[in-house]
Amino acid sequence: MIPSHPAPDMHHLLHGDFTVEGQFMWGSNYTLLANIQNNGHTLKAVYKPTRGERPLWDFPSESLAGREVAAFLVSQALGWDLVPPTVFRPDGPAGPGSLQLFIDHDPQQHYFSFTAGQRARLRPVALFDALINNTDRKGGHIILDFDEKFWLIDHGICFHAEPKLRTVIWDFAGQAISPGARRDIADLRQALQPDGALAQSLAAYLTPAEVAALRQRTARLLTAGVFPSPTNGRYSYPWPPV
């Protein structure tokens, strides 16, 4: 089931005027806190301009901001609502880039401080990362808002066509994927067919090979029927872990 988009937040992110308030000091790429104003509404957002991206040998230049948007689109298509509303703005004050709703949270709360009960709720997160081929799921990239809802951030280095999954969440390796999650993944696979709406939306942010690889990962997960396990012979954990 594909949920309706969070229309008010999306509208403000897409059409609001915004100014930069400051810079987050963590991370290797420029990440800025923005103030959005639109028709009397004010909200905070995280702005990642493409010109602030550090070049990577294995990802195309100036493609990371688009991958942030692609992660949101996949989250919505699955119906899992894991990624805060995210759009691409070509008119940012520091140039084109992604703009993501800022989620108010306690930064001391992350994967390594979660309780056993909280970690047990991360099954959709582990599946989502396997689907988008997340190369950098650090513990601090899973945040918990003050309503106890999990949100996932920092998806700039995802969707590579080659297997590169690196995550701290291997809690469910080898366990069966629930029937409900399997149905959602099957729906995602259908939406990723070349004539599917999601495939066409992702084409603005990913290469054809990357969209095809995403579709293939849905098929592999459905065939396996279990959560993936760490792979021998390559790094399966990010560094640093938080």
C-alpha atoms as a PDB file:
ATOM      1  CA  MET A   1       0.000   0.000   0.000  1.00  0.00           C
ATOM      2  CA  ILE A   2       1.387   3.389  -1.034  1.00  0.00           C
ATOM      3  CA  PRO A   3       0.479   6.070   1.534  1.00  0.00           C
ATOM      4  CA  SER A   4      -0.540   9.565   0.580  1.00  0.00           C
ATOM      5  CA  HIS A   5       2.397  11.946   0.592  1.00  0.00           C
ATOM      6  CA  PRO A   6       2.686  14.223   3.634  1.00  0.00           C
ATOM      7  CA  ALA A   7       1.146  16.997   1.535  1.00  0.00           C
ATOM      8  CA  PRO A   8       1.559  20.066   3.791  1.00  0.00           C
ATOM      9  CA  ASP A   9       5.221  19.400   4.556  1.00  0.00           C
ATOM     10  CA  MET A  10       5.960  18.512   0.946  1.00  0.00           C
ATOM     11  CA  HIS A  11       4.271  21.684  -0.276  1.00  0.00           C
ATOM     12  CA  HIS A  12       6.271  23.874   2.085  1.00  0.00           C
ATOM     13  CA  LEU A  13       9.537  22.121   1.211  1.00  0.00           C
ATOM     14  CA  LEU A  14       8.872  22.455  -2.516  1.00  0.00           C
ATOM     15  CA  HIS A  15       7.626  26.027  -2.591  1.00  0.00           C
ATOM     16  CA  GLY A  16       8.768  27.796   0.567  1.00  0.00           C
ATOM     17  CA  ASP A  17      11.453  30.442   0.716  1.00  0.00           C
ATOM     18  CA  PHE A  18      14.390  29.271   2.766  1.00  0.00           C
ATOM     19  CA  THR A  19      17.496  30.636   4.355  1.00  0.00           C
ATOM     20  CA  VAL A  20      20.466  28.887   5.907  1.00  0.00           C
ATOM     21  CA  GLU A  21      20.720  29.192   9.685  1.00  0.00           C
ATOM     22  CA  GLY A  22      23.854  27.150  10.336  1.00  0.00           C
ATOM     23  CA  GLN A  23      25.937  24.116   9.503  1.00  0.00           C
ATOM     24  CA  PHE A  24      25.908  20.682  11.096  1.00  0.00           C
ATOM     25  CA  MET A  25      29.518  19.872  11.913  1.00  0.00           C
ATOM     26  CA  TRP A  26      29.277  16.077  11.638  1.00  0.00           C
ATOM     27  CA  GLY A  27      29.685  14.387   8.285  1.00  0.00           C
ATOM     28  CA  SER A  28      32.087  14.777   5.386  1.00  0.00           C
ATOM     29  CA  ASN A  29      29.678  16.726   3.143  1.00  0.00           C
ATOM     30  CA  TYR A  30      28.121  20.130   3.719  1.00  0.00           C
ATOM     31  CA  THR A  31      24.914  19.702   5.717  1.00  0.00           C
ATOM     32  CA  LEU A  32      23.026  22.887   6.557  1.00  0.00           C
ATOM     33  CA  LEU A  33      20.085  23.762   8.787  1.00  0.00           C
ATOM     34  CA  ALA A  34      17.519  25.769   6.857  1.00  0.00           C
ATOM     35  CA  ASN A  35      14.529  27.859   7.897  1.00  0.00           C
ATOM     36  CA  ILE A  36      11.514  27.449   5.559  1.00  0.00           C
ATOM     37  CA  GLN A  37       8.841  30.146   5.253  1.00  0.00           C
ATOM     38  CA  ASN A  38       5.700  29.578   3.213  1.00  0.00           C
ATOM     39  CA  ASN A  39       2.324  31.325   3.517  1.00  0.00           C
ATOM     40  CA  GLY A  40       2.731  31.946   7.224  1.00  0.00           C
ATOM     41  CA  HIS A  41       4.101  28.483   7.944  1.00  0.00           C
ATOM     42  CA  THR A  42       7.598  27.974   9.336  1.00  0.00           C
ATOM     43  CA  LEU A  43       9.543  24.756   9.577  1.00  0.00           C
ATOM     44  CA  LYS A  44      13.109  23.549   9.866  1.00  0.00           C
ATOM     45  CA  ALA A  45      14.808  21.477   7.198  1.00  0.00           C
ATOM     46  CA  VAL A  46      18.155  19.900   6.404  1.00  0.00           C
ATOM     47  CA  TYR A  47      19.675  21.269   3.210  1.00  0.00           C
ATOM     48  CA  LYS A  48      22.423  19.375   1.384  1.00  0.00           C
ATOM     49  CA  PRO A  49      23.723  21.318  -1.642  1.00  0.00           C
ATOM     50  CA  THR A  50      25.349  19.247  -4.365  1.00  0.00           C
ATOM     51  CA  ARG A  51      28.353  21.547  -4.552  1.00  0.00           C
ATOM     52  CA  GLY A  52      29.164  20.660  -0.951  1.00  0.00           C
ATOM     53  CA  GLU A  53      29.510  16.942  -1.733  1.00  0.00           C
ATOM     54  CA  ARG A  54      32.910  15.335  -1.322  1.00  0.00           C
ATOM     55  CA  PRO A  55      33.865  13.440  -4.519  1.00  0.00           C
ATOM     56  CA  LEU A  56      33.692   9.653  -4.213  1.00  0.00           C
ATOM     57  CA  TRP A  57      35.407   7.136  -6.459  1.00  0.00           C
ATOM     58  CA  ASP A  58      32.391   4.824  -6.678  1.00  0.00           C
ATOM     59  CA  PHE A  59      29.461   7.263  -6.965  1.00  0.00           C
ATOM     60  CA  PRO A  60      28.835   9.808  -9.741  1.00  0.00           C
ATOM     61  CA  SER A  61      29.709  13.404  -8.895  1.00  0.00           C
ATOM     62  CA  GLU A  62      26.926  15.612  -7.538  1.00  0.00           C
ATOM     63  CA  SER A  63      24.497  12.695  -7.241  1.00  0.00           C
ATOM     64  CA  LEU A  64      24.220  12.335  -3.466  1.00  0.00           C
ATOM     65  CA  ALA A  65      21.427  14.878  -2.947  1.00  0.00           C
ATOM     66  CA  GLY A  66      19.296  13.104  -5.524  1.00  0.00           C
ATOM     67  CA  ARG A  67      19.814   9.813  -3.710  1.00  0.00           C
ATOM     68  CA  GLU A  68      18.382  11.409  -0.567  1.00  0.00           C
ATOM     69  CA  VAL A  69      15.191  12.084  -2.531  1.00  0.00           C
ATOM     70  CA  ALA A  70      15.213   8.586  -4.039  1.00  0.00           C
ATOM     71  CA  ALA A  71      15.324   7.041  -0.552  1.00  0.00           C
ATOM     72  CA  PHE A  72      12.240   9.018   0.446  1.00  0.00           C
ATOM     73  CA  LEU A  73      10.402   7.907  -2.701  1.00  0.00           C
ATOM     74  CA  VAL A  74      11.166   4.242  -2.019  1.00  0.00           C
ATOM     75  CA  SER A  75      10.124   4.573   1.629  1.00  0.00           C
ATOM     76  CA  GLN A  76       6.797   6.060   0.562  1.00  0.00           C
ATOM     77  CA  ALA A  77       6.249   3.444  -2.140  1.00  0.00           C
ATOM     78  CA  LEU A  78       6.736   0.692   0.422  1.00  0.00           C
ATOM     79  CA  GLY A  79       4.235   2.374   2.726  1.00  0.00           C
ATOM     80  CA  TRP A  80       6.742   2.262   5.588  1.00  0.00           C
ATOM     81  CA  ASP A  81       7.136   6.014   6.175  1.00  0.00           C
ATOM     82  CA  LEU A  82      10.729   5.734   7.335  1.00  0.00           C
ATOM     83  CA  VAL A  83      12.368   8.744   5.672  1.00  0.00           C
ATOM     84  CA  PRO A  84      11.323  12.329   6.467  1.00  0.00           C
ATOM     85  CA  PRO A  85       9.728  14.242   3.569  1.00  0.00           C
ATOM     86  CA  THR A  86      12.526  15.077   1.138  1.00  0.00           C
ATOM     87  CA  VAL A  87      12.566  17.079  -2.096  1.00  0.00           C
ATOM     88  CA  PHE A  88      15.131  18.367  -4.565  1.00  0.00           C
ATOM     89  CA  ARG A  89      15.370  22.140  -4.828  1.00  0.00           C
ATOM     90  CA  PRO A  90      17.276  23.591  -7.800  1.00  0.00           C
ATOM     91  CA  ASP A  91      17.066  27.105  -6.339  1.00  0.00           C
ATOM     92  CA  GLY A  92      18.745  26.786  -2.942  1.00  0.00           C
ATOM     93  CA  PRO A  93      20.866  29.639  -1.573  1.00  0.00           C
ATOM     94  CA  ALA A  94      23.991  27.482  -1.981  1.00  0.00           C
ATOM     95  CA  GLY A  95      22.818  25.959  -5.248  1.00  0.00           C
ATOM     96  CA  PRO A  96      20.775  22.856  -6.123  1.00  0.00           C
ATOM     97  CA  GLY A  97      20.381  20.255  -3.396  1.00  0.00           C
ATOM     98  CA  SER A  98      18.100  18.111  -1.282  1.00  0.00           C
ATOM     99  CA  LEU A  99      15.827  19.595   1.355  1.00  0.00           C
ATOM    100  CA  GLN A 100      14.542  17.286   4.091  1.00  0.00           C
ATOM    101  CA  LEU A 101      12.149  18.019   6.930  1.00  0.00           C
ATOM    102  CA  PHE A 102      14.113  18.313  10.175  1.00  0.00           C
ATOM    103  CA  ILE A 103      12.900  15.861  12.819  1.00  0.00           C
ATOM    104  CA  ASP A 104      13.198  17.109  16.382  1.00  0.00           C
ATOM    105  CA  HIS A 105      14.882  14.396  18.450  1.00  0.00           C
ATOM    106  CA  ASP A 106      17.346  13.634  21.211  1.00  0.00           C
ATOM    107  CA  PRO A 107      20.756  13.128  19.521  1.00  0.00           C
ATOM    108  CA  GLN A 108      21.841  10.920  22.425  1.00  0.00           C
ATOM    109  CA  GLN A 109      19.241   8.366  21.312  1.00  0.00           C
ATOM    110  CA  HIS A 110      20.540   6.082  18.565  1.00  0.00           C
ATOM    111  CA  TYR A 111      20.947   2.413  17.705  1.00  0.00           C
ATOM    112  CA  PHE A 112      23.580   1.756  20.358  1.00  0.00           C
ATOM    113  CA  SER A 113      21.494   3.338  23.116  1.00  0.00           C
ATOM    114  CA  PHE A 114      18.155   1.778  22.127  1.00  0.00           C
ATOM    115  CA  THR A 115      16.552  -0.767  24.424  1.00  0.00           C
ATOM    116  CA  ALA A 116      16.073  -4.369  23.332  1.00  0.00           C
ATOM    117  CA  GLY A 117      12.412  -3.584  22.725  1.00  0.00           C
ATOM    118  CA  GLN A 118      13.256  -0.621  20.524  1.00  0.00           C
ATOM    119  CA  ARG A 119      15.773  -2.629  18.517  1.00  0.00           C
ATOM    120  CA  ALA A 120      13.132  -5.299  17.934  1.00  0.00           C
ATOM    121  CA  ARG A 121      11.142  -2.662  16.004  1.00  0.00           C
ATOM    122  CA  LEU A 122      13.942  -2.154  13.466  1.00  0.00           C
ATOM    123  CA  ARG A 123      13.014  -4.988  11.097  1.00  0.00           C
ATOM    124  CA  PRO A 124      11.635  -2.593   8.449  1.00  0.00           C
ATOM    125  CA  VAL A 125      14.832  -0.548   8.728  1.00  0.00           C
ATOM    126  CA  ALA A 126      17.025  -3.591   8.038  1.00  0.00           C
ATOM    127  CA  LEU A 127      14.907  -4.544   5.022  1.00  0.00           C
ATOM    128  CA  PHE A 128      14.863  -0.987   3.721  1.00  0.00           C
ATOM    129  CA  ASP A 129      18.660  -0.780   3.852  1.00  0.00           C
ATOM    130  CA  ALA A 130      18.994  -4.096   2.043  1.00  0.00           C
ATOM    131  CA  LEU A 131      16.669  -2.830  -0.678  1.00  0.00           C
ATOM    132  CA  ILE A 132      18.375   0.527  -1.210  1.00  0.00           C
ATOM    133  CA  ASN A 133      21.851  -1.011  -0.813  1.00  0.00           C
ATOM    134  CA  ASN A 134      22.798   1.400   1.953  1.00  0.00           C
ATOM    135  CA  THR A 135      26.577   1.639   2.246  1.00  0.00           C
ATOM    136  CA  ASP A 136      26.554   3.658   5.457  1.00  0.00           C
ATOM    137  CA  ARG A 137      23.839   2.843   8.002  1.00  0.00           C
ATOM    138  CA  LYS A 138      25.523   4.160  11.104  1.00  0.00           C
ATOM    139  CA  GLY A 139      23.849   3.968  14.508  1.00  0.00           C
ATOM    140  CA  GLY A 140      23.329   7.729  14.543  1.00  0.00           C
ATOM    141  CA  HIS A 141      21.436   7.626  11.240  1.00  0.00           C
ATOM    142  CA  ILE A 142      18.446   6.099  13.037  1.00  0.00           C
ATOM    143  CA  ILE A 143      16.716   8.749  15.097  1.00  0.00           C
ATOM    144  CA  LEU A 144      13.739   8.566  17.424  1.00  0.00           C
ATOM    145  CA  ASP A 145      11.322  11.469  17.659  1.00  0.00           C
ATOM    146  CA  PHE A 146       9.501  12.420  20.838  1.00  0.00           C
ATOM    147  CA  ASP A 147       6.505  10.281  19.827  1.00  0.00           C
ATOM    148  CA  GLU A 148       8.775   7.202  19.763  1.00  0.00           C
ATOM    149  CA  LYS A 149       8.697   6.975  15.963  1.00  0.00           C
ATOM    150  CA  PHE A 150      11.859   5.940  14.128  1.00  0.00           C
ATOM    151  CA  TRP A 151      13.156   8.048  11.253  1.00  0.00           C
ATOM    152  CA  LEU A 152      16.053   7.300   8.918  1.00  0.00           C
ATOM    153  CA  ILE A 153      18.439   9.976   7.651  1.00  0.00           C
ATOM    154  CA  ASP A 154      21.597  10.275   5.518  1.00  0.00           C
ATOM    155  CA  HIS A 155      20.997   8.288   2.333  1.00  0.00           C
ATOM    156  CA  GLY A 156      23.455  10.015   0.012  1.00  0.00           C
ATOM    157  CA  ILE A 157      25.503   6.871  -0.648  1.00  0.00           C
ATOM    158  CA  CYS A 158      22.806   4.349  -1.431  1.00  0.00           C
ATOM    159  CA  PHE A 159      21.474   2.642  -4.568  1.00  0.00           C
ATOM    160  CA  HIS A 160      24.807   1.608  -6.064  1.00  0.00           C
ATOM    161  CA  ALA A 161      24.356  -1.085  -8.710  1.00  0.00           C
ATOM    162  CA  GLU A 162      27.003  -3.305  -7.071  1.00  0.00           C
ATOM    163  CA  PRO A 163      26.434  -4.960  -3.658  1.00  0.00           C
ATOM    164  CA  LYS A 164      27.744  -2.592  -0.960  1.00  0.00           C
ATOM    165  CA  LEU A 165      25.459  -3.063   2.054  1.00  0.00           C
ATOM    166  CA  ARG A 166      27.171  -1.790   5.227  1.00  0.00           C
ATOM    167  CA  THR A 167      25.052  -1.427   8.343  1.00  0.00           C
ATOM    168  CA  VAL A 168      25.144  -1.802  12.117  1.00  0.00           C
ATOM    169  CA  ILE A 169      21.784  -3.642  12.037  1.00  0.00           C
ATOM    170  CA  TRP A 170      22.419  -7.347  11.595  1.00  0.00           C
ATOM    171  CA  ASP A 171      20.080  -8.299  14.461  1.00  0.00           C
ATOM    172  CA  PHE A 172      17.694 -10.201  12.184  1.00  0.00           C
ATOM    173  CA  ALA A 173      20.150 -11.979   9.854  1.00  0.00           C
ATOM    174  CA  GLY A 174      18.686 -15.243   8.583  1.00  0.00           C
ATOM    175  CA  GLN A 175      15.249 -14.649  10.113  1.00  0.00           C
ATOM    176  CA  ALA A 176      12.128 -15.000   7.996  1.00  0.00           C
ATOM    177  CA  ILE A 177      10.645 -11.888   6.400  1.00  0.00           C
ATOM    178  CA  SER A 178       7.034 -11.449   7.510  1.00  0.00           C
ATOM    179  CA  PRO A 179       4.205 -12.021   5.000  1.00  0.00           C
ATOM    180  CA  GLY A 180       3.176  -8.369   5.259  1.00  0.00           C
ATOM    181  CA  ALA A 181       6.679  -7.132   4.442  1.00  0.00           C
ATOM    182  CA  ARG A 182       6.874  -9.599   1.558  1.00  0.00           C
ATOM    183  CA  ARG A 183       3.657  -8.186   0.102  1.00  0.00           C
ATOM    184  CA  ASP A 184       5.027  -4.637   0.371  1.00  0.00           C
ATOM    185  CA  ILE A 185       8.275  -5.654  -1.334  1.00  0.00           C
ATOM    186  CA  ALA A 186       6.307  -7.416  -4.091  1.00  0.00           C
ATOM    187  CA  ASP A 187       4.298  -4.205  -4.649  1.00  0.00           C
ATOM    188  CA  LEU A 188       7.548  -2.258  -4.772  1.00  0.00           C
ATOM    189  CA  ARG A 189       8.923  -4.643  -7.378  1.00  0.00           C
ATOM    190  CA  GLN A 190       5.863  -4.045  -9.528  1.00  0.00           C
ATOM    191  CA  ALA A 191       6.214  -0.264  -9.194  1.00  0.00           C
ATOM    192  CA  LEU A 192       9.836  -0.624 -10.321  1.00  0.00           C
ATOM    193  CA  GLN A 193       8.963  -2.200 -13.652  1.00  0.00           C
ATOM    194  CA  PRO A 194      10.213   0.003 -16.515  1.00  0.00           C
ATOM    195  CA  ASP A 195       6.725   1.418 -17.084  1.00  0.00           C
ATOM    196  CA  GLY A 196       5.990   1.764 -13.350  1.00  0.00           C
ATOM    197  CA  ALA A 197       5.394   5.126 -11.719  1.00  0.00           C
ATOM    198  CA  LEU A 198       8.181   4.705  -9.173  1.00  0.00           C
ATOM    199  CA  ALA A 199      10.747   3.690 -11.794  1.00  0.00           C
ATOM    200  CA  GLN A 200       9.913   6.794 -13.779  1.00  0.00           C
ATOM    201  CA  SER A 201      10.197   9.035 -10.704  1.00  0.00           C
ATOM    202  CA  LEU A 202      13.538   7.526  -9.713  1.00  0.00           C
ATOM    203  CA  ALA A 203      14.936   8.106 -13.206  1.00  0.00           C
ATOM    204  CA  ALA A 204      15.488  11.752 -12.257  1.00  0.00           C
ATOM    205  CA  TYR A 205      17.911  10.748  -9.491  1.00  0.00           C
ATOM    206  CA  LEU A 206      19.398   7.334 -10.328  1.00  0.00           C
ATOM    207  CA  THR A 207      20.967   5.743 -13.383  1.00  0.00           C
ATOM    208  CA  PRO A 208      19.013   3.080 -15.329  1.00  0.00           C
ATOM    209  CA  ALA A 209      21.459   0.453 -14.053  1.00  0.00           C
ATOM    210  CA  GLU A 210      20.808   1.525 -10.446  1.00  0.00           C
ATOM    211  CA  VAL A 211      17.027   1.335 -10.868  1.00  0.00           C
ATOM    212  CA  ALA A 212      17.388  -2.105 -12.462  1.00  0.00           C
ATOM    213  CA  ALA A 213      19.620  -3.239  -9.586  1.00  0.00           C
ATOM    214  CA  LEU A 214      17.034  -2.028  -7.063  1.00  0.00           C
ATOM    215  CA  ARG A 215      14.389  -4.086  -8.868  1.00  0.00           C
ATOM    216  CA  GLN A 216      16.705  -7.105  -8.796  1.00  0.00           C
ATOM    217  CA  ARG A 217      17.247  -6.709  -5.044  1.00  0.00           C
ATOM    218  CA  THR A 218      13.489  -6.866  -4.483  1.00  0.00           C
ATOM    219  CA  ALA A 219      13.432 -10.141  -6.408  1.00  0.00           C
ATOM    220  CA  ARG A 220      16.341 -11.600  -4.455  1.00  0.00           C
ATOM    221  CA  LEU A 221      14.798 -10.729  -1.097  1.00  0.00           C
ATOM    222  CA  LEU A 222      11.483 -12.269  -2.123  1.00  0.00           C
ATOM    223  CA  THR A 223      13.201 -15.436  -3.354  1.00  0.00           C
ATOM    224  CA  ALA A 224      15.363 -15.763  -0.236  1.00  0.00           C
ATOM    225  CA  GLY A 225      12.495 -15.015   2.127  1.00  0.00           C
ATOM    226  CA  VAL A 226      14.923 -14.132   4.929  1.00  0.00           C
ATOM    227  CA  PHE A 227      16.887 -11.121   6.129  1.00  0.00           C
ATOM    228  CA  PRO A 228      20.370 -10.876   4.604  1.00  0.00           C
ATOM    229  CA  SER A 229      23.490 -11.822   6.567  1.00  0.00           C
ATOM    230  CA  PRO A 230      26.940 -10.184   6.628  1.00  0.00           C
ATOM    231  CA  THR A 231      28.976 -11.134   3.595  1.00  0.00           C
ATOM    232  CA  ASN A 232      32.349 -12.832   3.943  1.00  0.00           C
ATOM    233  CA  GLY A 233      35.146 -11.172   2.022  1.00  0.00           C
ATOM    234  CA  ARG A 234      33.958  -7.571   2.195  1.00  0.00           C
ATOM    235  CA  TYR A 235      33.193  -4.977   4.829  1.00  0.00           C
ATOM    236  CA  SER A 236      29.635  -5.308   6.154  1.00  0.00           C
ATOM    237  CA  TYR A 237      29.838  -2.632   8.861  1.00  0.00           C
ATOM    238  CA  PRO A 238      30.239   1.152   8.479  1.00  0.00           C
ATOM    239  CA  TRP A 239      33.033   3.118  10.106  1.00  0.00           C
ATOM    240  CA  PRO A 240      32.704   4.841  12.420  1.00  0.00           C
ATOM    241  CA  PRO A 241      29.686   2.861  13.680  1.00  0.00           C
ATOM    242  CA  VAL A 242      27.955   5.965  15.101  1.00  0.00           C
END
